[in-house]
Amino acid sequence: GQSPMAPMIAEFPLACECRFTGQKVEFEMDVLYFGEVVGVYARPDVLTPDHKFDTAALDPLLFTGLDNHYHALGRDLGSAWSIGRDYPKESQE
C-alpha cells in the first residue's frame, strides 16, 4: 500500500514530499542531508491547463545563503535547449 502523505502547510502553493536517503555531508557549521522526492503536490491555480508548473503564478521565493538574501525570479530569458541556436557561430580560423 501507499505510505501516508507528509504533513503540508495549506497556504503553500507547492509542496515536495521527500524520503531521507541516509546520505549526509557535514560541514563546519552545517549538515547537508540528501533526500529523494517521492511526491509533489500543487494547488490547481499554479498549474497550466496541461498540468505543468506556471512559474509566474507560483512566484517562488529564492534564498541565497552566501549573501543571506531573498530574491524573486527575474525576466524570462528564453526557451531552454534552443535559445543558443539564434546566436551566430564564431568563424573557425
PDB file of N, CA and C in Angstrom:
ATOM      1  N   GLY A   1       0.798  -1.186   0.000  1.00  0.00           N
ATOM      2  CA  GLY A   1       0.000   0.000   0.000  1.00  0.00           C
ATOM      3  C   GLY A   1       0.845   1.256   0.000  1.00  0.00           C
ATOM      4  N   GLN A   2       0.188   2.364  -0.123  1.00  0.00           N
ATOM      5  CA  GLN A   2       0.870   3.652  -0.139  1.00  0.00           C
ATOM      6  C   GLN A   2       1.143   4.124   1.274  1.00  0.00           C
ATOM      7  N   SER A   3       2.247   4.845   1.432  1.00  0.00           N
ATOM      8  CA  SER A   3       2.543   5.455   2.721  1.00  0.00           C
ATOM      9  C   SER A   3       1.688   6.700   2.870  1.00  0.00           C
ATOM     10  N   PRO A   4       1.401   7.120   4.109  1.00  0.00           N
ATOM     11  CA  PRO A   4       0.613   8.350   4.302  1.00  0.00           C
ATOM     12  C   PRO A   4       1.393   9.561   3.822  1.00  0.00           C
ATOM     13  N   MET A   5       0.663  10.576   3.357  1.00  0.00           N
ATOM     14  CA  MET A   5       1.302  11.806   2.896  1.00  0.00           C
ATOM     15  C   MET A   5       1.972  12.523   4.066  1.00  0.00           C
ATOM     16  N   ALA A   6       3.015  13.246   3.739  1.00  0.00           N
ATOM     17  CA  ALA A   6       3.693  14.070   4.730  1.00  0.00           C
ATOM     18  C   ALA A   6       2.805  15.254   5.082  1.00  0.00           C
ATOM     19  N   PRO A   7       2.924  15.796   6.293  1.00  0.00           N
ATOM     20  CA  PRO A   7       2.144  16.993   6.635  1.00  0.00           C
ATOM     21  C   PRO A   7       2.582  18.171   5.757  1.00  0.00           C
ATOM     22  N   MET A   8       1.617  18.991   5.357  1.00  0.00           N
ATOM     23  CA  MET A   8       1.907  20.131   4.490  1.00  0.00           C
ATOM     24  C   MET A   8       1.209  21.372   5.035  1.00  0.00           C
ATOM     25  N   ILE A   9       1.710  22.536   4.657  1.00  0.00           N
ATOM     26  CA  ILE A   9       1.113  23.809   5.041  1.00  0.00           C
ATOM     27  C   ILE A   9       0.120  24.200   3.959  1.00  0.00           C
ATOM     28  N   ALA A  10      -1.129  24.380   4.322  1.00  0.00           N
ATOM     29  CA  ALA A  10      -2.215  24.614   3.359  1.00  0.00           C
ATOM     30  C   ALA A  10      -1.967  25.841   2.481  1.00  0.00           C
ATOM     31  N   GLU A  11      -1.328  26.884   2.998  1.00  0.00           N
ATOM     32  CA  GLU A  11      -1.118  28.112   2.230  1.00  0.00           C
ATOM     33  C   GLU A  11      -0.006  27.979   1.187  1.00  0.00           C
ATOM     34  N   PHE A  12       0.794  26.942   1.267  1.00  0.00           N
ATOM     35  CA  PHE A  12       1.880  26.778   0.302  1.00  0.00           C
ATOM     36  C   PHE A  12       1.314  26.287  -1.030  1.00  0.00           C
ATOM     37  N   PRO A  13       1.657  26.949  -2.130  1.00  0.00           N
ATOM     38  CA  PRO A  13       1.122  26.530  -3.425  1.00  0.00           C
ATOM     39  C   PRO A  13       1.760  25.243  -3.950  1.00  0.00           C
ATOM     40  N   LEU A  14       2.930  24.881  -3.424  1.00  0.00           N
ATOM     41  CA  LEU A  14       3.657  23.715  -3.904  1.00  0.00           C
ATOM     42  C   LEU A  14       4.351  23.052  -2.717  1.00  0.00           C
ATOM     43  N   ALA A  15       4.290  21.739  -2.644  1.00  0.00           N
ATOM     44  CA  ALA A  15       4.985  21.004  -1.579  1.00  0.00           C
ATOM     45  C   ALA A  15       5.611  19.754  -2.185  1.00  0.00           C
ATOM     46  N   CYS A  16       6.823  19.451  -1.767  1.00  0.00           N
ATOM     47  CA  CYS A  16       7.514  18.241  -2.202  1.00  0.00           C
ATOM     48  C   CYS A  16       7.685  17.330  -0.995  1.00  0.00           C
ATOM     49  N   GLU A  17       7.287  16.087  -1.149  1.00  0.00           N
ATOM     50  CA  GLU A  17       7.454  15.075  -0.100  1.00  0.00           C
ATOM     51  C   GLU A  17       8.731  14.315  -0.407  1.00  0.00           C
ATOM     52  N   CYS A  18       9.639  14.260   0.569  1.00  0.00           N
ATOM     53  CA  CYS A  18      10.934  13.624   0.358  1.00  0.00           C
ATOM     54  C   CYS A  18      11.166  12.508   1.371  1.00  0.00           C
ATOM     55  N   ARG A  19      11.971  11.561   0.955  1.00  0.00           N
ATOM     56  CA  ARG A  19      12.396  10.469   1.833  1.00  0.00           C
ATOM     57  C   ARG A  19      13.905  10.594   2.006  1.00  0.00           C
ATOM     58  N   PHE A  20      14.367  10.583   3.247  1.00  0.00           N
ATOM     59  CA  PHE A  20      15.789  10.693   3.555  1.00  0.00           C
ATOM     60  C   PHE A  20      16.513   9.463   3.015  1.00  0.00           C
ATOM     61  N   THR A  21      17.591   9.683   2.255  1.00  0.00           N
ATOM     62  CA  THR A  21      18.330   8.575   1.641  1.00  0.00           C
ATOM     63  C   THR A  21      19.371   7.972   2.569  1.00  0.00           C
ATOM     64  N   GLY A  22      19.619   8.634   3.688  1.00  0.00           N
ATOM     65  CA  GLY A  22      20.663   8.163   4.592  1.00  0.00           C
ATOM     66  C   GLY A  22      22.003   8.832   4.334  1.00  0.00           C
ATOM     67  N   GLN A  23      22.090   9.604   3.262  1.00  0.00           N
ATOM     68  CA  GLN A  23      23.336  10.290   2.934  1.00  0.00           C
ATOM     69  C   GLN A  23      23.339  11.679   3.539  1.00  0.00           C
ATOM     70  N   LYS A  24      24.493  12.074   4.051  1.00  0.00           N
ATOM     71  CA  LYS A  24      24.641  13.431   4.560  1.00  0.00           C
ATOM     72  C   LYS A  24      26.093  13.851   4.424  1.00  0.00           C
ATOM     73  N   VAL A  25      26.315  15.158   4.323  1.00  0.00           N
ATOM     74  CA  VAL A  25      27.656  15.728   4.266  1.00  0.00           C
ATOM     75  C   VAL A  25      27.722  16.759   5.374  1.00  0.00           C
ATOM     76  N   GLU A  26      28.715  16.591   6.239  1.00  0.00           N
ATOM     77  CA  GLU A  26      28.871  17.506   7.366  1.00  0.00           C
ATOM     78  C   GLU A  26      29.916  18.572   7.043  1.00  0.00           C
ATOM     79  N   PHE A  27      29.521  19.824   7.252  1.00  0.00           N
ATOM     80  CA  PHE A  27      30.410  20.958   7.084  1.00  0.00           C
ATOM     81  C   PHE A  27      30.713  21.527   8.467  1.00  0.00           C
ATOM     82  N   GLU A  28      31.599  22.495   8.528  1.00  0.00           N
ATOM     83  CA  GLU A  28      31.982  23.083   9.811  1.00  0.00           C
ATOM     84  C   GLU A  28      30.786  23.655  10.564  1.00  0.00           C
ATOM     85  N   MET A  29      29.883  24.336   9.836  1.00  0.00           N
ATOM     86  CA  MET A  29      28.764  24.999  10.507  1.00  0.00           C
ATOM     87  C   MET A  29      27.397  24.440  10.146  1.00  0.00           C
ATOM     88  N   ASP A  30      27.352  23.377   9.329  1.00  0.00           N
ATOM     89  CA  ASP A  30      26.056  22.899   8.855  1.00  0.00           C
ATOM     90  C   ASP A  30      26.158  21.454   8.422  1.00  0.00           C
ATOM     91  N   VAL A  31      25.021  20.835   8.195  1.00  0.00           N
ATOM     92  CA  VAL A  31      24.956  19.477   7.667  1.00  0.00           C
ATOM     93  C   VAL A  31      23.990  19.481   6.490  1.00  0.00           C
ATOM     94  N   LEU A  32      24.399  18.903   5.378  1.00  0.00           N
ATOM     95  CA  LEU A  32      23.564  18.792   4.185  1.00  0.00           C
ATOM     96  C   LEU A  32      23.013  17.370   4.130  1.00  0.00           C
ATOM     97  N   TYR A  33      21.688  17.233   4.166  1.00  0.00           N
ATOM     98  CA  TYR A  33      21.028  15.931   4.114  1.00  0.00           C
ATOM     99  C   TYR A  33      20.464  15.716   2.721  1.00  0.00           C
ATOM    100  N   PHE A  34      20.540  14.500   2.219  1.00  0.00           N
ATOM    101  CA  PHE A  34      20.048  14.184   0.882  1.00  0.00           C
ATOM    102  C   PHE A  34      18.728  13.435   0.977  1.00  0.00           C
ATOM    103  N   GLY A  35      17.809  13.804   0.096  1.00  0.00           N
ATOM    104  CA  GLY A  35      16.510  13.155   0.071  1.00  0.00           C
ATOM    105  C   GLY A  35      16.098  12.832  -1.344  1.00  0.00           C
ATOM    106  N   GLU A  36      15.164  11.908  -1.455  1.00  0.00           N
ATOM    107  CA  GLU A  36      14.585  11.519  -2.729  1.00  0.00           C
ATOM    108  C   GLU A  36      13.155  12.041  -2.765  1.00  0.00           C
ATOM    109  N   VAL A  37      12.798  12.767  -3.814  1.00  0.00           N
ATOM    110  CA  VAL A  37      11.433  13.288  -3.942  1.00  0.00           C
ATOM    111  C   VAL A  37      10.511  12.114  -4.259  1.00  0.00           C
ATOM    112  N   VAL A  38       9.508  11.911  -3.403  1.00  0.00           N
ATOM    113  CA  VAL A  38       8.570  10.802  -3.594  1.00  0.00           C
ATOM    114  C   VAL A  38       7.156  11.285  -3.897  1.00  0.00           C
ATOM    115  N   GLY A  39       6.924  12.586  -3.793  1.00  0.00           N
ATOM    116  CA  GLY A  39       5.614  13.137  -4.116  1.00  0.00           C
ATOM    117  C   GLY A  39       5.692  14.630  -4.288  1.00  0.00           C
ATOM    118  N   VAL A  40       4.921  15.166  -5.237  1.00  0.00           N
ATOM    119  CA  VAL A  40       4.843  16.610  -5.473  1.00  0.00           C
ATOM    120  C   VAL A  40       3.370  16.972  -5.495  1.00  0.00           C
ATOM    121  N   TYR A  41       3.015  17.984  -4.721  1.00  0.00           N
ATOM    122  CA  TYR A  41       1.621  18.394  -4.588  1.00  0.00           C
ATOM    123  C   TYR A  41       1.538  19.883  -4.902  1.00  0.00           C
ATOM    124  N   ALA A  42       0.555  20.261  -5.733  1.00  0.00           N
ATOM    125  CA  ALA A  42       0.420  21.657  -6.141  1.00  0.00           C
ATOM    126  C   ALA A  42      -1.049  22.050  -6.167  1.00  0.00           C
ATOM    127  N   ARG A  43      -1.294  23.320  -5.795  1.00  0.00           N
ATOM    128  CA  ARG A  43      -2.647  23.861  -5.933  1.00  0.00           C
ATOM    129  C   ARG A  43      -2.955  24.024  -7.414  1.00  0.00           C
ATOM    130  N   PRO A  44      -4.204  23.853  -7.809  1.00  0.00           N
ATOM    131  CA  PRO A  44      -4.574  23.999  -9.226  1.00  0.00           C
ATOM    132  C   PRO A  44      -4.252  25.371  -9.806  1.00  0.00           C
ATOM    133  N   ASP A  45      -4.253  26.427  -8.988  1.00  0.00           N
ATOM    134  CA  ASP A  45      -4.016  27.771  -9.518  1.00  0.00           C
ATOM    135  C   ASP A  45      -2.568  28.037  -9.905  1.00  0.00           C
ATOM    136  N   VAL A  46      -1.640  27.124  -9.626  1.00  0.00           N
ATOM    137  CA  VAL A  46      -0.248  27.301 -10.041  1.00  0.00           C
ATOM    138  C   VAL A  46       0.130  26.308 -11.149  1.00  0.00           C
ATOM    139  N   LEU A  47      -0.895  25.698 -11.765  1.00  0.00           N
ATOM    140  CA  LEU A  47      -0.664  24.756 -12.853  1.00  0.00           C
ATOM    141  C   LEU A  47      -1.246  25.299 -14.152  1.00  0.00           C
ATOM    142  N   THR A  48      -0.599  24.962 -15.252  1.00  0.00           N
ATOM    143  CA  THR A  48      -1.119  25.300 -16.573  1.00  0.00           C
ATOM    144  C   THR A  48      -2.219  24.293 -16.915  1.00  0.00           C
ATOM    145  N   PRO A  49      -2.993  24.545 -17.970  1.00  0.00           N
ATOM    146  CA  PRO A  49      -4.044  23.589 -18.345  1.00  0.00           C
ATOM    147  C   PRO A  49      -3.520  22.169 -18.616  1.00  0.00           C
ATOM    148  N   ASP A  50      -2.235  22.045 -19.025  1.00  0.00           N
ATOM    149  CA  ASP A  50      -1.676  20.709 -19.263  1.00  0.00           C
ATOM    150  C   ASP A  50      -0.888  20.192 -18.044  1.00  0.00           C
ATOM    151  N   HIS A  51      -1.190  20.743 -16.858  1.00  0.00           N
ATOM    152  CA  HIS A  51      -0.680  20.261 -15.566  1.00  0.00           C
ATOM    153  C   HIS A  51       0.838  20.428 -15.389  1.00  0.00           C
ATOM    154  N   LYS A  52       1.388  21.490 -15.946  1.00  0.00           N
ATOM    155  CA  LYS A  52       2.791  21.842 -15.703  1.00  0.00           C
ATOM    156  C   LYS A  52       2.806  23.043 -14.767  1.00  0.00           C
ATOM    157  N   PHE A  53       3.930  23.269 -14.093  1.00  0.00           N
ATOM    158  CA  PHE A  53       4.018  24.400 -13.182  1.00  0.00           C
ATOM    159  C   PHE A  53       4.038  25.709 -13.948  1.00  0.00           C
ATOM    160  N   ASP A  54       3.228  26.658 -13.528  1.00  0.00           N
ATOM    161  CA  ASP A  54       3.226  28.009 -14.071  1.00  0.00           C
ATOM    162  C   ASP A  54       4.120  28.829 -13.150  1.00  0.00           C
ATOM    163  N   THR A  55       5.362  29.031 -13.571  1.00  0.00           N
ATOM    164  CA  THR A  55       6.352  29.683 -12.709  1.00  0.00           C
ATOM    165  C   THR A  55       5.916  31.071 -12.285  1.00  0.00           C
ATOM    166  N   ALA A  56       5.289  31.824 -13.176  1.00  0.00           N
ATOM    167  CA  ALA A  56       4.835  33.167 -12.820  1.00  0.00           C
ATOM    168  C   ALA A  56       3.749  33.102 -11.751  1.00  0.00           C
ATOM    169  N   ALA A  57       2.832  32.169 -11.860  1.00  0.00           N
ATOM    170  CA  ALA A  57       1.772  32.026 -10.856  1.00  0.00           C
ATOM    171  C   ALA A  57       2.335  31.507  -9.538  1.00  0.00           C
ATOM    172  N   LEU A  58       3.339  30.650  -9.616  1.00  0.00           N
ATOM    173  CA  LEU A  58       3.960  30.104  -8.407  1.00  0.00           C
ATOM    174  C   LEU A  58       4.703  31.200  -7.650  1.00  0.00           C
ATOM    175  N   ASP A  59       5.344  32.126  -8.377  1.00  0.00           N
ATOM    176  CA  ASP A  59       6.062  33.268  -7.806  1.00  0.00           C
ATOM    177  C   ASP A  59       6.969  32.838  -6.661  1.00  0.00           C
ATOM    178  N   PRO A  60       7.976  31.984  -6.956  1.00  0.00           N
ATOM    179  CA  PRO A  60       8.802  31.427  -5.885  1.00  0.00           C
ATOM    180  C   PRO A  60       9.701  32.457  -5.211  1.00  0.00           C
ATOM    181  N   LEU A  61       9.987  32.202  -3.966  1.00  0.00           N
ATOM    182  CA  LEU A  61      10.921  32.988  -3.169  1.00  0.00           C
ATOM    183  C   LEU A  61      12.234  32.219  -3.154  1.00  0.00           C
ATOM    184  N   LEU A  62      13.314  32.855  -3.560  1.00  0.00           N
ATOM    185  CA  LEU A  62      14.612  32.208  -3.618  1.00  0.00           C
ATOM    186  C   LEU A  62      15.512  32.767  -2.521  1.00  0.00           C
ATOM    187  N   PHE A  63      16.194  31.879  -1.809  1.00  0.00           N
ATOM    188  CA  PHE A  63      17.126  32.285  -0.760  1.00  0.00           C
ATOM    189  C   PHE A  63      18.530  31.929  -1.195  1.00  0.00           C
ATOM    190  N   THR A  64      19.440  32.898  -1.116  1.00  0.00           N
ATOM    191  CA  THR A  64      20.845  32.627  -1.402  1.00  0.00           C
ATOM    192  C   THR A  64      21.623  32.758  -0.103  1.00  0.00           C
ATOM    193  N   GLY A  65      22.151  31.646   0.338  1.00  0.00           N
ATOM    194  CA  GLY A  65      22.818  31.589   1.630  1.00  0.00           C
ATOM    195  C   GLY A  65      24.158  32.287   1.686  1.00  0.00           C
ATOM    196  N   LEU A  66      24.831  32.411   0.558  1.00  0.00           N
ATOM    197  CA  LEU A  66      26.146  33.040   0.570  1.00  0.00           C
ATOM    198  C   LEU A  66      26.072  34.509   0.936  1.00  0.00           C
ATOM    199  N   ASP A  67      25.005  35.178   0.494  1.00  0.00           N
ATOM    200  CA  ASP A  67      24.861  36.595   0.821  1.00  0.00           C
ATOM    201  C   ASP A  67      23.657  36.857   1.732  1.00  0.00           C
ATOM    202  N   ASN A  68      22.978  35.791   2.156  1.00  0.00           N
ATOM    203  CA  ASN A  68      21.819  35.893   3.053  1.00  0.00           C
ATOM    204  C   ASN A  68      20.764  36.875   2.545  1.00  0.00           C
ATOM    205  N   HIS A  69      20.297  36.632   1.303  1.00  0.00           N
ATOM    206  CA  HIS A  69      19.276  37.477   0.698  1.00  0.00           C
ATOM    207  C   HIS A  69      18.150  36.622   0.123  1.00  0.00           C
ATOM    208  N   TYR A  70      16.973  37.236   0.032  1.00  0.00           N
ATOM    209  CA  TYR A  70      15.837  36.630  -0.633  1.00  0.00           C
ATOM    210  C   TYR A  70      15.681  37.310  -1.989  1.00  0.00           C
ATOM    211  N   HIS A  71      15.284  36.543  -2.994  1.00  0.00           N
ATOM    212  CA  HIS A  71      15.144  37.064  -4.348  1.00  0.00           C
ATOM    213  C   HIS A  71      13.848  36.553  -4.969  1.00  0.00           C
ATOM    214  N   ALA A  72      13.381  37.282  -5.972  1.00  0.00           N
ATOM    215  CA  ALA A  72      12.283  36.835  -6.823  1.00  0.00           C
ATOM    216  C   ALA A  72      12.893  36.475  -8.170  1.00  0.00           C
ATOM    217  N   LEU A  73      12.142  35.735  -8.972  1.00  0.00           N
ATOM    218  CA  LEU A  73      12.642  35.411 -10.307  1.00  0.00           C
ATOM    219  C   LEU A  73      12.671  36.659 -11.165  1.00  0.00           C
ATOM    220  N   GLY A  74      13.625  36.711 -12.059  1.00  0.00           N
ATOM    221  CA  GLY A  74      13.734  37.839 -12.974  1.00  0.00           C
ATOM    222  C   GLY A  74      12.941  37.594 -14.241  1.00  0.00           C
ATOM    223  N   ARG A  75      13.289  38.318 -15.274  1.00  0.00           N
ATOM    224  CA  ARG A  75      12.565  38.223 -16.535  1.00  0.00           C
ATOM    225  C   ARG A  75      12.862  36.899 -17.237  1.00  0.00           C
ATOM    226  N   ASP A  76      11.971  36.504 -18.114  1.00  0.00           N
ATOM    227  CA  ASP A  76      12.119  35.294 -18.910  1.00  0.00           C
ATOM    228  C   ASP A  76      13.187  35.542 -19.968  1.00  0.00           C
ATOM    229  N   LEU A  77      14.188  34.665 -20.041  1.00  0.00           N
ATOM    230  CA  LEU A  77      15.287  34.853 -20.987  1.00  0.00           C
ATOM    231  C   LEU A  77      15.141  34.026 -22.257  1.00  0.00           C
ATOM    232  N   GLY A  78      14.245  33.061 -22.274  1.00  0.00           N
ATOM    233  CA  GLY A  78      14.037  32.268 -23.483  1.00  0.00           C
ATOM    234  C   GLY A  78      13.883  30.798 -23.178  1.00  0.00           C
ATOM    235  N   SER A  79      13.591  30.043 -24.205  1.00  0.00           N
ATOM    236  CA  SER A  79      13.356  28.606 -24.075  1.00  0.00           C
ATOM    237  C   SER A  79      14.663  27.840 -23.924  1.00  0.00           C
ATOM    238  N   ALA A  80      14.704  26.953 -22.946  1.00  0.00           N
ATOM    239  CA  ALA A  80      15.890  26.125 -22.739  1.00  0.00           C
ATOM    240  C   ALA A  80      16.108  25.206 -23.937  1.00  0.00           C
ATOM    241  N   TRP A  81      17.342  24.878 -24.179  1.00  0.00           N
ATOM    242  CA  TRP A  81      17.785  23.945 -25.214  1.00  0.00           C
ATOM    243  C   TRP A  81      17.663  24.504 -26.627  1.00  0.00           C
ATOM    244  N   SER A  82      17.125  25.728 -26.779  1.00  0.00           N
ATOM    245  CA  SER A  82      17.026  26.257 -28.136  1.00  0.00           C
ATOM    246  C   SER A  82      17.467  27.711 -28.241  1.00  0.00           C
ATOM    247  N   ILE A  83      17.577  28.432 -27.141  1.00  0.00           N
ATOM    248  CA  ILE A  83      17.883  29.859 -27.198  1.00  0.00           C
ATOM    249  C   ILE A  83      19.224  30.132 -27.877  1.00  0.00           C
ATOM    250  N   GLY A  84      20.201  29.269 -27.701  1.00  0.00           N
ATOM    251  CA  GLY A  84      21.520  29.482 -28.291  1.00  0.00           C
ATOM    252  C   GLY A  84      21.574  29.293 -29.788  1.00  0.00           C
ATOM    253  N   ARG A  85      20.560  28.652 -30.357  1.00  0.00           N
ATOM    254  CA  ARG A  85      20.549  28.422 -31.801  1.00  0.00           C
ATOM    255  C   ARG A  85      20.450  29.721 -32.595  1.00  0.00           C
ATOM    256  N   ASP A  86      19.926  30.768 -31.977  1.00  0.00           N
ATOM    257  CA  ASP A  86      19.746  32.039 -32.673  1.00  0.00           C
ATOM    258  C   ASP A  86      21.009  32.889 -32.712  1.00  0.00           C
ATOM    259  N   TYR A  87      22.029  32.515 -31.942  1.00  0.00           N
ATOM    260  CA  TYR A  87      23.270  33.281 -31.925  1.00  0.00           C
ATOM    261  C   TYR A  87      24.178  32.817 -33.066  1.00  0.00           C
ATOM    262  N   PRO A  88      24.850  33.776 -33.725  1.00  0.00           N
ATOM    263  CA  PRO A  88      25.736  33.363 -34.825  1.00  0.00           C
ATOM    264  C   PRO A  88      26.933  32.585 -34.292  1.00  0.00           C
ATOM    265  N   LYS A  89      27.349  31.584 -35.061  1.00  0.00           N
ATOM    266  CA  LYS A  89      28.525  30.795 -34.685  1.00  0.00           C
ATOM    267  C   LYS A  89      29.777  31.604 -35.000  1.00  0.00           C
ATOM    268  N   GLU A  90      30.773  31.492 -34.143  1.00  0.00           N
ATOM    269  CA  GLU A  90      32.035  32.189 -34.386  1.00  0.00           C
ATOM    270  C   GLU A  90      32.747  31.520 -35.558  1.00  0.00           C
ATOM    271  N   SER A  91      33.411  32.320 -36.360  1.00  0.00           N
ATOM    272  CA  SER A  91      34.105  31.745 -37.523  1.00  0.00           C
ATOM    273  C   SER A  91      35.293  30.932 -37.048  1.00  0.00           C
ATOM    274  N   GLN A  92      35.535  29.829 -37.716  1.00  0.00           N
ATOM    275  CA  GLN A  92      36.655  28.940 -37.415  1.00  0.00           C
ATOM    276  C   GLN A  92      37.851  29.397 -38.248  1.00  0.00           C
ATOM    277  N   GLU A  93      38.927  29.745 -37.595  1.00  0.00           N
ATOM    278  CA  GLU A  93      40.116  30.191 -38.357  1.00  0.00           C
ATOM    279  C   GLU A  93      41.202  29.178 -38.265  1.00  0.00           C
TER     280      GLU A  93
END
